[in-house]
Amino acid sequence: MKLTKQFSMYVSDHDQFIKQLKAQRPDLEEKQREGRALLWDKAPQTLAEQARVRESTVKQQPYVYQNKLR
């Protein structure tokens, strides 16, 4: 479906704001990538670390909010 010429030139307020922000701060995207890497990108674990983590986990009961009956 083709939009008319009137709607093809429309730019929302949000789009205008983002374009203006990127023009004012060209390093913004790089800082976002650095922040993402800091919080989410983790270094790969070695096999020894994976085994240690697997062995140190505590088995959890199926429904954690129910007390065990005596």
C-alpha atoms as a PDB file:
ATOM      1  CA  MET A   1       0.000   0.000   0.000  1.00  0.00           C
ATOM      2  CA  LYS A   2       1.494   3.274  -1.072  1.00  0.00           C
ATOM      3  CA  LEU A   3       1.090   6.309   1.144  1.00  0.00           C
ATOM      4  CA  THR A   4       0.231   9.671  -0.256  1.00  0.00           C
ATOM      5  CA  LYS A   5       2.880  12.367  -0.550  1.00  0.00           C
ATOM      6  CA  GLN A   6       1.450  14.112   2.499  1.00  0.00           C
ATOM      7  CA  PHE A   7       2.099  11.117   4.772  1.00  0.00           C
ATOM      8  CA  SER A   8       5.436  10.080   3.284  1.00  0.00           C
ATOM      9  CA  MET A   9       7.048  13.282   4.573  1.00  0.00           C
ATOM     10  CA  TYR A  10       5.685  12.862   8.120  1.00  0.00           C
ATOM     11  CA  VAL A  11       8.249  12.509  10.912  1.00  0.00           C
ATOM     12  CA  SER A  12       6.987  11.837  14.421  1.00  0.00           C
ATOM     13  CA  ASP A  13       8.062  13.843  17.441  1.00  0.00           C
ATOM     14  CA  HIS A  14       9.917  10.831  18.744  1.00  0.00           C
ATOM     15  CA  ASP A  15      11.887  10.412  15.513  1.00  0.00           C
ATOM     16  CA  GLN A  16      12.735  14.116  15.504  1.00  0.00           C
ATOM     17  CA  PHE A  17      13.934  13.902  19.110  1.00  0.00           C
ATOM     18  CA  ILE A  18      16.159  10.864  18.426  1.00  0.00           C
ATOM     19  CA  LYS A  19      17.695  12.455  15.307  1.00  0.00           C
ATOM     20  CA  GLN A  20      18.354  15.678  17.211  1.00  0.00           C
ATOM     21  CA  LEU A  21      19.893  13.794  20.149  1.00  0.00           C
ATOM     22  CA  LYS A  22      22.193  11.783  17.846  1.00  0.00           C
ATOM     23  CA  ALA A  23      23.242  14.984  16.074  1.00  0.00           C
ATOM     24  CA  GLN A  24      24.106  16.644  19.392  1.00  0.00           C
ATOM     25  CA  ARG A  25      25.890  13.586  20.813  1.00  0.00           C
ATOM     26  CA  PRO A  26      27.541  11.542  18.039  1.00  0.00           C
ATOM     27  CA  ASP A  27      29.230   9.235  20.590  1.00  0.00           C
ATOM     28  CA  LEU A  28      25.885   8.168  22.081  1.00  0.00           C
ATOM     29  CA  GLU A  29      25.623   4.851  20.228  1.00  0.00           C
ATOM     30  CA  GLU A  30      29.172   3.856  21.181  1.00  0.00           C
ATOM     31  CA  LYS A  31      28.416   4.573  24.854  1.00  0.00           C
ATOM     32  CA  GLN A  32      25.251   2.460  24.580  1.00  0.00           C
ATOM     33  CA  ARG A  33      27.306  -0.441  23.211  1.00  0.00           C
ATOM     34  CA  GLU A  34      29.843  -0.068  26.031  1.00  0.00           C
ATOM     35  CA  GLY A  35      27.062  -0.050  28.625  1.00  0.00           C
ATOM     36  CA  ARG A  36      25.490  -3.141  27.117  1.00  0.00           C
ATOM     37  CA  ALA A  37      28.820  -4.944  27.103  1.00  0.00           C
ATOM     38  CA  LEU A  38      29.383  -3.988  30.729  1.00  0.00           C
ATOM     39  CA  LEU A  39      26.053  -5.410  31.879  1.00  0.00           C
ATOM     40  CA  TRP A  40      25.223  -8.255  29.498  1.00  0.00           C
ATOM     41  CA  ASP A  41      28.174  -9.537  27.482  1.00  0.00           C
ATOM     42  CA  LYS A  42      30.054 -12.044  29.616  1.00  0.00           C
ATOM     43  CA  ALA A  43      33.331 -13.757  28.913  1.00  0.00           C
ATOM     44  CA  PRO A  44      32.997 -17.458  28.092  1.00  0.00           C
ATOM     45  CA  GLN A  45      33.459 -19.858  31.002  1.00  0.00           C
ATOM     46  CA  THR A  46      36.076 -22.565  30.993  1.00  0.00           C
ATOM     47  CA  LEU A  47      35.051 -26.186  31.425  1.00  0.00           C
ATOM     48  CA  ALA A  48      36.443 -26.161  34.980  1.00  0.00           C
ATOM     49  CA  GLU A  49      34.337 -23.111  35.882  1.00  0.00           C
ATOM     50  CA  GLN A  50      31.232 -24.707  34.375  1.00  0.00           C
ATOM     51  CA  ALA A  51      31.812 -27.883  36.403  1.00  0.00           C
ATOM     52  CA  ARG A  52      32.361 -25.898  39.615  1.00  0.00           C
ATOM     53  CA  VAL A  53      29.130 -23.946  39.091  1.00  0.00           C
ATOM     54  CA  ARG A  54      27.200 -27.133  38.307  1.00  0.00           C
ATOM     55  CA  GLU A  55      28.525 -28.863  41.442  1.00  0.00           C
ATOM     56  CA  SER A  56      27.873 -25.890  43.724  1.00  0.00           C
ATOM     57  CA  THR A  57      24.197 -25.451  42.863  1.00  0.00           C
ATOM     58  CA  VAL A  58      21.713 -26.430  45.549  1.00  0.00           C
ATOM     59  CA  LYS A  59      18.794 -28.599  44.483  1.00  0.00           C
ATOM     60  CA  GLN A  60      15.527 -26.726  44.874  1.00  0.00           C
ATOM     61  CA  GLN A  61      12.160 -28.209  45.754  1.00  0.00           C
ATOM     62  CA  PRO A  62       9.590 -28.170  42.921  1.00  0.00           C
ATOM     63  CA  TYR A  63       7.338 -25.539  44.495  1.00  0.00           C
ATOM     64  CA  VAL A  64       9.507 -23.160  46.495  1.00  0.00           C
ATOM     65  CA  TYR A  65       6.720 -21.324  48.334  1.00  0.00           C
ATOM     66  CA  GLN A  66       5.212 -24.416  49.928  1.00  0.00           C
ATOM     67  CA  ASN A  67       6.630 -25.509  53.258  1.00  0.00           C
ATOM     68  CA  LYS A  68       7.550 -29.129  53.640  1.00  0.00           C
ATOM     69  CA  LEU A  69       5.086 -31.150  55.698  1.00  0.00           C
ATOM     70  CA  ARG A  70       6.523 -33.074  58.618  1.00  0.00           C
END
